[in-house]
Structures are given as structure tokens and as C-alpha cells.
Amino acid sequence: MAKSKKDSEMNDEEFNIKYGAYRHEIYRTTSVSRKAYTLMGNIMYYIELYLVHGGYANLDRKMSIIQPIFIIGDFRSGTSVLERIIEHHPHIASFSTTHAHIWMAPKLFENLVDWLDQFRIMCGCEGWNSPKDKGLFYPHSSNNVLSRDRPMECEVIFTHCKKHYSFNRHFDWDSLDDDKNPDNRTDCDVLTRRFEDAQFELTLKTAIKMLLLHRKCTRFIWKNPMNGFRIGFIKKMFPDAKFIFISRNPAKTLKSQMEMERVYCRAHFIEDPQRFRKESMRPRPPYYNNRKSWYYLFHTQYPNDCYGHQLWPRVWPRTQPEHQAIQKHLKRDEICCATAVSIVQHDRIVRESFGRKENDISLETGNLFEVYHEDVLQDPLKVLRKIHHFLELQATDKERIQWLEAEDFPAGQANTKRVKQSSEWEKGLNFGTETDQVYKILQPCFQHYERRQSVA
């Protein structure tokens, strides 16, 4: 049922069954505060660093980070499926679902999760993140099961950085779109080469090295849409990094983002998203002492405090002029238009970052590969071959087909259902009364899409 029916077609009972495990996981993991997770992570970090690896110098002798791979693309543009098919390669490792809260000590924390899971098995209630369990359904990718070893965006990593797009926000609803609101007069969430955070850089690199040793891999991969705003900083940290930029028909990206928001809202008992925004974009969240409310589900914590991505309500990076335009659309309850502006925002920042001479990222220098999601759907095997060539990874077609089959590409070929839906959406999508305005906003992205050169 979970895969045969779309979420929008499910009645409440079917929907609740599908996302029951996800809701339980949210309720369980938010019973611990972000501050407590950070404290545990720091303690485990130093234990693993010194007791397992013998300190920084010894770890550096054991492992180097060589040509890390960064997948850059907006939400719902195909980044997840692309990362999964690449990450199947035995030389590649990524942060996974297990590291959604504690990422700094990958070996120690995974061992702790295994140890705790033994108690659940003894009690006859094996956890979804047990090595043998298939996983759970979650709103971000509603038809793909999330298991403990699945690659995860782990935006929580950047909440340990000096700058994060959730810090120092001015959320008063009345002045949200005001010219005087500092959030509308800054590009503070774009991290360029000039940004510095030595402690964060050291911690991240150390955690990656420990992860690679734990997984017995040589290459690291990270897919996170918000990294599109940090390309300069990432390139400074990892000079030999390789970037894969994936795009999609912008109207399809918007349609998919809107569907994801609807599923998230339903899964978190948010019946009126606009009212939720008005009441939640304040210094303190409102008090709802109701078992069917986000306040209960998140143990009275503000939802965004526990996960890096700012989705409840959604918060966008601060850049000029897009951020103020987004807020104006939000105030008018034009969420499709607001999200369309964010798609243009992401695309602009990414392309400008790649184009900056000091970043030295281009097709010509051999550290940038561009692909469209439509190419992945149409000929996944050919795309994967080209990506492996770009990344200098060896694999046979038999292995590639096996990895593609694991991600719902039968015999390594196009999934007819996905291609059919993509083709139907290509004809044009309806966004209600916002349709004309949405297509006007998305024009800069459509210009790139219409000039694309297929790699399939």
C-alpha cells in the first residue's frame, strides 16, 4: 500500500500507518535537547579521536581526505537518488541517518546504537535502525525506505559552525518583509572563501577521516542542498574537491517541493500551514497542550531546534534581493511563489559561486560535472558510467546495474513509472492562482533548462 498509493490519495488511517514509525522516531529523538546531543557528541568525539585513533597526528598518518565529492542541487532536484546510486561504490562513504544528531564520532556512536538495539531485540521490539530492519518511510522521500545506513544530508553538522542560516533571525511576523528588517539587507548566509571557522573545519575534517576509517573507504560524499550556499568555503576547506551539480525542470522541482511540504505538514499535524507560520515565526513558539500538535510531538521544543534543516516552518537563507521577496510572498500566503523565488535564489548562488575565479571550479578544470535529473531518469546506466569516469572510480557495468536496481531502476534502465510522470509534468504544471506568477519567477531557471546539453 505504501508504494502503490500516493500520499495524497491515502485516507488518515493509511497515512498514519505509513508514517507511524517516523512519528515515533521524531517523538523519541526530540526527547533529548540539541544542547544535550552536542555535549554527548563532543565527549564521544574526543574519546574516539584519542582512545581509538591516538590523537590528531596519528589520525592524519592513518587517513587523508582525497577528492571529496559534493553533490550540489536544490531540494527535490534529484540530489538524493543521485547520491544513493553513487554511494553504493565500495570506496565511498557518507554520513548516514544514524548521524542525524551525533556525527562527530561515527564509529563510537554507531556502536552505541547497536548496543542499545540489543535491548530492544531482547524485548521483542527491534528498532527500525537495526542492521537487519528495512527502515521506515519518511516525508522527504515518501516512496523510499530510510534505513540506518542510507546517506543523510546531516544539516545539523553546520549548526556547529559560527554561521548557520538559522542563527540570529528576526522572525516577528509584522516586520517579516519590512525594508528595515536586517534579514532582508544581508547576504550573511552565503559562505565564501573569506569565511573562517578553524575549529569547525578541524572537527569536520577529523570526523570525516574517522568515518572513512570506520567504513574502510577512501572517498567521502556529501549531498546537502544548503551546501549550495557554501561552495566557496567548502572549496577552501577541500581544495581538491569534486562537485556534481544536478538540476531539473524548475517547475517540476517546485511541484515536488510543494508536495513534500504538504506531506511534512500532514505528518506533523500541521493542518493550517499559514496560521502555523504566523504563530511560530516569533521569538517563542505558542503553547499547544494537545497530543495532536507539533508542540507535543517535539516535546515542547521548537521544531527547528532539533534538526538542521529549517522546515517547520520553512526558513530560507538570507540573500539580497530574494529573501525579502520570499517574505513578501509568505505574508500574502503565496507559498508557491515564495518557493519559486527560493529555487531561483539557489540556482543563482550556485552558478555565481562556480563562476568565481578564486574558487577555480569549472568543467575545464575537471572538478565540475553537470547533469539533469531528467538524464538520470532516462538513461541511468550511461549517466553513472560518466560520473564514475569523472570521479576516477572503477566499476563494471554488472556492478553498476546491481546498484541501480537497488534504487528502483530495473536492470539498470529507466523506471517507466518515473519517466511517465516526468513526461506528464514536462507538459506544464498548475499552481492554482499563482501559476502565471510562478512561471514568470522561474524564467531564469527555465533559460538554463532549455539550453541544457544532455549527458545521457
Foldseek 3Di string as FASTA:
>chain_A
DLQVDDLVPDDPVVLCVQCVLVLVVLLVLLVDFLVRLVVVLVVLLVCCQCVVQNHDVSLVVVADAAAAEEEEEAQQQQLQLVCLLLQVFLQEAAQAPQCQRRQLNVVVSVVVVQVVQVVCVVVVRGRCQHPPHLAHADLSDRNHHGYGRRHDQSLVLCVPFPDAQVPPADLQLVCQLPPPGVLQVDQRLQAALPDDDPVSLVSVRNSVSNRCVSSVHHYYYHYHNSCLSHLRVVCNSPVSYFYEYEGEDLVSSLVSVVSSLVSVCVSALNPDLLVQSNQLSDPAHDDDPDCRHNCSSSVNDNVCSRGSQQVSPHDAGRDPNLSSVLSVCSSVVNNSQSVLSRNVVSVVSNVVNCVDPVSPHDVVVLRYHYAGSLLCQAQVLQVVVVVCVSVVHDDDSVSSLVSVVVSVAHSRHHNVVVNVVSVVCVVDDDPDPCRVVSCVSNVVVVVCVVVDDHSD
